Amino acid sequence: EMRVTSAAGTDLVIDLTDAPCGGTPGFGT
């Protein structure tokens, strides 16, 4: 689970079960 909150009022919950995850530092070989 990911939860995102903020002083402005954000309160978001994300179920990450089996969610594909990725990203990049700007390179890959």
PDB file of all heavy atoms in Angstrom:
ATOM      1  N   GLU A   1       0.827  -1.207   0.000  1.00  0.00           N
ATOM      2  CA  GLU A   1       0.000   0.000   0.000  1.00  0.00           C
ATOM      3  C   GLU A   1       0.859   1.254   0.000  1.00  0.00           C
ATOM      4  O   GLU A   1       1.859   1.346   0.711  1.00  0.00           O
ATOM      5  CB  GLU A   1      -0.908   0.014   1.237  1.00  0.00           C
ATOM      6  CG  GLU A   1      -1.815   1.251   1.322  1.00  0.00           C
ATOM      7  CD  GLU A   1      -2.624   1.286   2.606  1.00  0.00           C
ATOM      8  OE1 GLU A   1      -3.696   0.641   2.660  1.00  0.00           O
ATOM      9  OE2 GLU A   1      -2.174   1.950   3.565  1.00  0.00           O
ATOM     10  N   MET A   2       0.484   2.213  -0.824  1.00  0.00           N
ATOM     11  CA  MET A   2       1.045   3.557  -0.787  1.00  0.00           C
ATOM     12  C   MET A   2      -0.021   4.504  -0.262  1.00  0.00           C
ATOM     13  O   MET A   2      -1.188   4.423  -0.658  1.00  0.00           O
ATOM     14  CB  MET A   2       1.492   4.018  -2.192  1.00  0.00           C
ATOM     15  CG  MET A   2       1.975   5.471  -2.241  1.00  0.00           C
ATOM     16  SD  MET A   2       2.195   6.110  -3.938  1.00  0.00           S
ATOM     17  CE  MET A   2       3.635   5.197  -4.452  1.00  0.00           C
ATOM     18  N   ARG A   3       0.384   5.392   0.647  1.00  0.00           N
ATOM     19  CA  ARG A   3      -0.521   6.434   1.115  1.00  0.00           C
ATOM     20  C   ARG A   3       0.157   7.779   0.936  1.00  0.00           C
ATOM     21  O   ARG A   3       1.352   7.932   1.246  1.00  0.00           O
ATOM     22  CB  ARG A   3      -0.909   6.229   2.574  1.00  0.00           C
ATOM     23  CG  ARG A   3      -1.966   7.241   3.055  1.00  0.00           C
ATOM     24  CD  ARG A   3      -2.411   6.970   4.468  1.00  0.00           C
ATOM     25  NE  ARG A   3      -3.447   7.916   4.876  1.00  0.00           N
ATOM     26  CZ  ARG A   3      -3.945   8.006   6.108  1.00  0.00           C
ATOM     27  NH1 ARG A   3      -3.490   7.176   7.055  1.00  0.00           N
ATOM     28  NH2 ARG A   3      -4.866   8.901   6.396  1.00  0.00           N
ATOM     29  N   VAL A   4      -0.593   8.749   0.437  1.00  0.00           N
ATOM     30  CA  VAL A   4      -0.064  10.088   0.173  1.00  0.00           C
ATOM     31  C   VAL A   4      -0.920  11.088   0.931  1.00  0.00           C
ATOM     32  O   VAL A   4      -2.157  11.096   0.793  1.00  0.00           O
ATOM     33  CB  VAL A   4      -0.082  10.414  -1.338  1.00  0.00           C
ATOM     34  CG1 VAL A   4       0.583  11.766  -1.584  1.00  0.00           C
ATOM     35  CG2 VAL A   4       0.597   9.324  -2.140  1.00  0.00           C
ATOM     36  N   THR A   5      -0.272  11.931   1.733  1.00  0.00           N
ATOM     37  CA  THR A   5      -0.983  12.945   2.499  1.00  0.00           C
ATOM     38  C   THR A   5      -0.277  14.288   2.348  1.00  0.00           C
ATOM     39  O   THR A   5       0.891  14.355   1.950  1.00  0.00           O
ATOM     40  CB  THR A   5      -1.043  12.578   3.993  1.00  0.00           C
ATOM     41  OG1 THR A   5       0.291  12.422   4.493  1.00  0.00           O
ATOM     42  CG2 THR A   5      -1.816  11.287   4.210  1.00  0.00           C
ATOM     43  N   SER A   6      -0.997  15.346   2.670  1.00  0.00           N
ATOM     44  CA  SER A   6      -0.400  16.685   2.656  1.00  0.00           C
ATOM     45  C   SER A   6      -1.189  17.600   3.574  1.00  0.00           C
ATOM     46  O   SER A   6      -2.360  17.343   3.893  1.00  0.00           O
ATOM     47  CB  SER A   6      -0.387  17.270   1.240  1.00  0.00           C
ATOM     48  OG  SER A   6      -1.692  17.684   0.848  1.00  0.00           O
ATOM     49  N   ALA A   7      -0.550  18.691   3.987  1.00  0.00           N
ATOM     50  CA  ALA A   7      -1.213  19.682   4.831  1.00  0.00           C
ATOM     51  C   ALA A   7      -2.374  20.346   4.101  1.00  0.00           C
ATOM     52  O   ALA A   7      -3.314  20.842   4.737  1.00  0.00           O
ATOM     53  CB  ALA A   7      -0.198  20.734   5.287  1.00  0.00           C
ATOM     54  N   ALA A   8      -2.335  20.347   2.773  1.00  0.00           N
ATOM     55  CA  ALA A   8      -3.415  20.972   1.994  1.00  0.00           C
ATOM     56  C   ALA A   8      -4.689  20.134   2.011  1.00  0.00           C
ATOM     57  O   ALA A   8      -5.758  20.633   1.633  1.00  0.00           O
ATOM     58  CB  ALA A   8      -2.957  21.190   0.555  1.00  0.00           C
ATOM     59  N   GLY A   9      -4.585  18.856   2.398  1.00  0.00           N
ATOM     60  CA  GLY A   9      -5.782  18.033   2.477  1.00  0.00           C
ATOM     61  C   GLY A   9      -5.730  16.739   1.690  1.00  0.00           C
ATOM     62  O   GLY A   9      -6.681  15.948   1.726  1.00  0.00           O
ATOM     63  N   THR A  10      -4.643  16.492   0.981  1.00  0.00           N
ATOM     64  CA  THR A  10      -4.524  15.231   0.242  1.00  0.00           C
ATOM     65  C   THR A  10      -4.520  14.041   1.201  1.00  0.00           C
ATOM     66  O   THR A  10      -3.829  14.063   2.227  1.00  0.00           O
ATOM     67  CB  THR A  10      -3.232  15.225  -0.586  1.00  0.00           C
ATOM     68  OG1 THR A  10      -3.307  16.236  -1.584  1.00  0.00           O
ATOM     69  CG2 THR A  10      -3.004  13.874  -1.257  1.00  0.00           C
ATOM     70  N   ASP A  11      -5.279  13.031   0.869  1.00  0.00           N
ATOM     71  CA  ASP A  11      -5.249  11.754   1.586  1.00  0.00           C
ATOM     72  C   ASP A  11      -5.676  10.669   0.604  1.00  0.00           C
ATOM     73  O   ASP A  11      -6.856  10.404   0.415  1.00  0.00           O
ATOM     74  CB  ASP A  11      -6.164  11.763   2.798  1.00  0.00           C
ATOM     75  CG  ASP A  11      -5.904  10.567   3.731  1.00  0.00           C
ATOM     76  OD1 ASP A  11      -5.139   9.671   3.333  1.00  0.00           O
ATOM     77  OD2 ASP A  11      -6.455  10.556   4.850  1.00  0.00           O
ATOM     78  N   LEU A  12      -4.677  10.084  -0.044  1.00  0.00           N
ATOM     79  CA  LEU A  12      -4.894   9.140  -1.136  1.00  0.00           C
ATOM     80  C   LEU A  12      -4.289   7.793  -0.756  1.00  0.00           C
ATOM     81  O   LEU A  12      -3.163   7.731  -0.264  1.00  0.00           O
ATOM     82  CB  LEU A  12      -4.230   9.661  -2.415  1.00  0.00           C
ATOM     83  CG  LEU A  12      -4.508   8.891  -3.703  1.00  0.00           C
ATOM     84  CD1 LEU A  12      -5.934   9.135  -4.180  1.00  0.00           C
ATOM     85  CD2 LEU A  12      -3.513   9.294  -4.792  1.00  0.00           C
ATOM     86  N   VAL A  13      -5.029   6.716  -1.004  1.00  0.00           N
ATOM     87  CA  VAL A  13      -4.551   5.366  -0.710  1.00  0.00           C
ATOM     88  C   VAL A  13      -4.532   4.555  -2.004  1.00  0.00           C
ATOM     89  O   VAL A  13      -5.532   4.522  -2.735  1.00  0.00           O
ATOM     90  CB  VAL A  13      -5.439   4.682   0.339  1.00  0.00           C
ATOM     91  CG1 VAL A  13      -4.957   3.251   0.581  1.00  0.00           C
ATOM     92  CG2 VAL A  13      -5.417   5.465   1.647  1.00  0.00           C
ATOM     93  N   ILE A  14      -3.387   3.904  -2.274  1.00  0.00           N
ATOM     94  CA  ILE A  14      -3.217   3.106  -3.488  1.00  0.00           C
ATOM     95  C   ILE A  14      -2.851   1.684  -3.093  1.00  0.00           C
ATOM     96  O   ILE A  14      -1.855   1.462  -2.375  1.00  0.00           O
ATOM     97  CB  ILE A  14      -2.119   3.683  -4.404  1.00  0.00           C
ATOM     98  CG1 ILE A  14      -2.433   5.135  -4.783  1.00  0.00           C
ATOM     99  CG2 ILE A  14      -1.970   2.835  -5.656  1.00  0.00           C
ATOM    100  CD1 ILE A  14      -1.527   6.140  -4.107  1.00  0.00           C
ATOM    101  N   ASP A  15      -3.629   0.726  -3.529  1.00  0.00           N
ATOM    102  CA  ASP A  15      -3.313  -0.697  -3.344  1.00  0.00           C
ATOM    103  C   ASP A  15      -2.286  -1.086  -4.406  1.00  0.00           C
ATOM    104  O   ASP A  15      -2.571  -1.053  -5.600  1.00  0.00           O
ATOM    105  CB  ASP A  15      -4.590  -1.518  -3.486  1.00  0.00           C
ATOM    106  CG  ASP A  15      -4.355  -3.009  -3.249  1.00  0.00           C
ATOM    107  OD1 ASP A  15      -3.180  -3.432  -3.160  1.00  0.00           O
ATOM    108  OD2 ASP A  15      -5.346  -3.750  -3.183  1.00  0.00           O
ATOM    109  N   LEU A  16      -1.082  -1.449  -3.954  1.00  0.00           N
ATOM    110  CA  LEU A  16       0.010  -1.764  -4.875  1.00  0.00           C
ATOM    111  C   LEU A  16       0.138  -3.257  -5.160  1.00  0.00           C
ATOM    112  O   LEU A  16       1.070  -3.672  -5.859  1.00  0.00           O
ATOM    113  CB  LEU A  16       1.340  -1.253  -4.312  1.00  0.00           C
ATOM    114  CG  LEU A  16       1.504   0.263  -4.192  1.00  0.00           C
ATOM    115  CD1 LEU A  16       2.845   0.594  -3.539  1.00  0.00           C
ATOM    116  CD2 LEU A  16       1.391   0.936  -5.539  1.00  0.00           C
ATOM    117  N   THR A  17      -0.785  -4.052  -4.663  1.00  0.00           N
ATOM    118  CA  THR A  17      -0.701  -5.496  -4.877  1.00  0.00           C
ATOM    119  C   THR A  17      -0.632  -5.814  -6.371  1.00  0.00           C
ATOM    120  O   THR A  17      -1.507  -5.437  -7.149  1.00  0.00           O
ATOM    121  CB  THR A  17      -1.917  -6.199  -4.261  1.00  0.00           C
ATOM    122  OG1 THR A  17      -2.009  -5.858  -2.872  1.00  0.00           O
ATOM    123  CG2 THR A  17      -1.791  -7.705  -4.401  1.00  0.00           C
ATOM    124  N   ASP A  18       0.432  -6.474  -6.766  1.00  0.00           N
ATOM    125  CA  ASP A  18       0.654  -6.899  -8.158  1.00  0.00           C
ATOM    126  C   ASP A  18       0.785  -5.726  -9.146  1.00  0.00           C
ATOM    127  O   ASP A  18       0.731  -5.938 -10.364  1.00  0.00           O
ATOM    128  CB  ASP A  18      -0.478  -7.819  -8.638  1.00  0.00           C
ATOM    129  CG  ASP A  18      -0.555  -9.110  -7.843  1.00  0.00           C
ATOM    130  OD1 ASP A  18       0.510  -9.610  -7.437  1.00  0.00           O
ATOM    131  OD2 ASP A  18      -1.675  -9.605  -7.611  1.00  0.00           O
ATOM    132  N   ALA A  19       0.984  -4.508  -8.654  1.00  0.00           N
ATOM    133  CA  ALA A  19       1.144  -3.364  -9.554  1.00  0.00           C
ATOM    134  C   ALA A  19       2.522  -3.409 -10.215  1.00  0.00           C
ATOM    135  O   ALA A  19       3.535  -3.520  -9.513  1.00  0.00           O
ATOM    136  CB  ALA A  19       0.984  -2.056  -8.795  1.00  0.00           C
ATOM    137  N   PRO A  20       2.604  -3.335 -11.539  1.00  0.00           N
ATOM    138  CA  PRO A  20       3.912  -3.218 -12.189  1.00  0.00           C
ATOM    139  C   PRO A  20       4.612  -1.940 -11.734  1.00  0.00           C
ATOM    140  O   PRO A  20       3.988  -0.870 -11.664  1.00  0.00           O
ATOM    141  CB  PRO A  20       3.572  -3.163 -13.679  1.00  0.00           C
ATOM    142  CG  PRO A  20       2.217  -3.778 -13.779  1.00  0.00           C
ATOM    143  CD  PRO A  20       1.510  -3.389 -12.518  1.00  0.00           C
ATOM    144  N   CYS A  21       5.873  -2.033 -11.398  1.00  0.00           N
ATOM    145  CA  CYS A  21       6.636  -0.892 -10.905  1.00  0.00           C
ATOM    146  C   CYS A  21       7.901  -0.730 -11.742  1.00  0.00           C
ATOM    147  O   CYS A  21       8.472  -1.711 -12.221  1.00  0.00           O
ATOM    148  CB  CYS A  21       7.003  -1.077  -9.434  1.00  0.00           C
ATOM    149  SG  CYS A  21       5.589  -1.299  -8.338  1.00  0.00           S
ATOM    150  N   GLY A  22       8.314   0.483 -11.903  1.00  0.00           N
ATOM    151  CA  GLY A  22       9.504   0.741 -12.703  1.00  0.00           C
ATOM    152  C   GLY A  22       9.997   2.155 -12.501  1.00  0.00           C
ATOM    153  O   GLY A  22       9.675   2.823 -11.520  1.00  0.00           O
ATOM    154  N   GLY A  23      10.762   2.610 -13.441  1.00  0.00           N
ATOM    155  CA  GLY A  23      11.368   3.935 -13.360  1.00  0.00           C
ATOM    156  C   GLY A  23      12.693   3.913 -14.087  1.00  0.00           C
ATOM    157  O   GLY A  23      13.067   2.916 -14.713  1.00  0.00           O
ATOM    158  N   THR A  24      13.409   4.996 -13.975  1.00  0.00           N
ATOM    159  CA  THR A  24      14.693   5.070 -14.666  1.00  0.00           C
ATOM    160  C   THR A  24      15.557   6.158 -14.055  1.00  0.00           C
ATOM    161  O   THR A  24      15.053   7.229 -13.705  1.00  0.00           O
ATOM    162  CB  THR A  24      14.512   5.367 -16.166  1.00  0.00           C
ATOM    163  OG1 THR A  24      15.800   5.561 -16.776  1.00  0.00           O
ATOM    164  CG2 THR A  24      13.686   6.609 -16.393  1.00  0.00           C
ATOM    165  N   PRO A  25      16.867   5.893 -13.923  1.00  0.00           N
ATOM    166  CA  PRO A  25      17.783   6.959 -13.543  1.00  0.00           C
ATOM    167  C   PRO A  25      18.246   7.783 -14.743  1.00  0.00           C
ATOM    168  O   PRO A  25      19.026   8.717 -14.598  1.00  0.00           O
ATOM    169  CB  PRO A  25      18.955   6.194 -12.927  1.00  0.00           C
ATOM    170  CG  PRO A  25      18.970   4.902 -13.672  1.00  0.00           C
ATOM    171  CD  PRO A  25      17.526   4.581 -13.983  1.00  0.00           C
ATOM    172  N   GLY A  26      17.779   7.389 -15.951  1.00  0.00           N
ATOM    173  CA  GLY A  26      18.197   8.067 -17.169  1.00  0.00           C
ATOM    174  C   GLY A  26      19.136   7.242 -18.018  1.00  0.00           C
ATOM    175  O   GLY A  26      19.657   7.714 -19.028  1.00  0.00           O
ATOM    176  N   PHE A  27      19.326   5.979 -17.634  1.00  0.00           N
ATOM    177  CA  PHE A  27      20.191   5.115 -18.424  1.00  0.00           C
ATOM    178  C   PHE A  27      19.826   3.656 -18.161  1.00  0.00           C
ATOM    179  O   PHE A  27      19.216   3.302 -17.146  1.00  0.00           O
ATOM    180  CB  PHE A  27      21.670   5.342 -18.101  1.00  0.00           C
ATOM    181  CG  PHE A  27      22.016   5.232 -16.637  1.00  0.00           C
ATOM    182  CD1 PHE A  27      22.354   4.014 -16.073  1.00  0.00           C
ATOM    183  CD2 PHE A  27      22.008   6.358 -15.825  1.00  0.00           C
ATOM    184  CE1 PHE A  27      22.684   3.912 -14.738  1.00  0.00           C
ATOM    185  CE2 PHE A  27      22.320   6.277 -14.476  1.00  0.00           C
ATOM    186  CZ  PHE A  27      22.662   5.050 -13.929  1.00  0.00           C
ATOM    187  N   GLY A  28      20.183   2.822 -19.146  1.00  0.00           N
ATOM    188  CA  GLY A  28      19.976   1.388 -19.045  1.00  0.00           C
ATOM    189  C   GLY A  28      20.785   0.704 -20.126  1.00  0.00           C
ATOM    190  O   GLY A  28      20.961   1.253 -21.222  1.00  0.00           O
ATOM    191  N   THR A  29      21.297  -0.483 -19.836  1.00  0.00           N
ATOM    192  CA  THR A  29      22.180  -1.159 -20.788  1.00  0.00           C
ATOM    193  C   THR A  29      21.735  -2.582 -21.118  1.00  0.00           C
ATOM    194  O   THR A  29      22.371  -3.244 -21.932  1.00  0.00           O
ATOM    195  CB  THR A  29      23.618  -1.218 -20.238  1.00  0.00           C
ATOM    196  OG1 THR A  29      23.608  -1.884 -18.967  1.00  0.00           O
ATOM    197  CG2 THR A  29      24.199   0.177 -20.076  1.00  0.00           C
TER     198      THR A  29
END
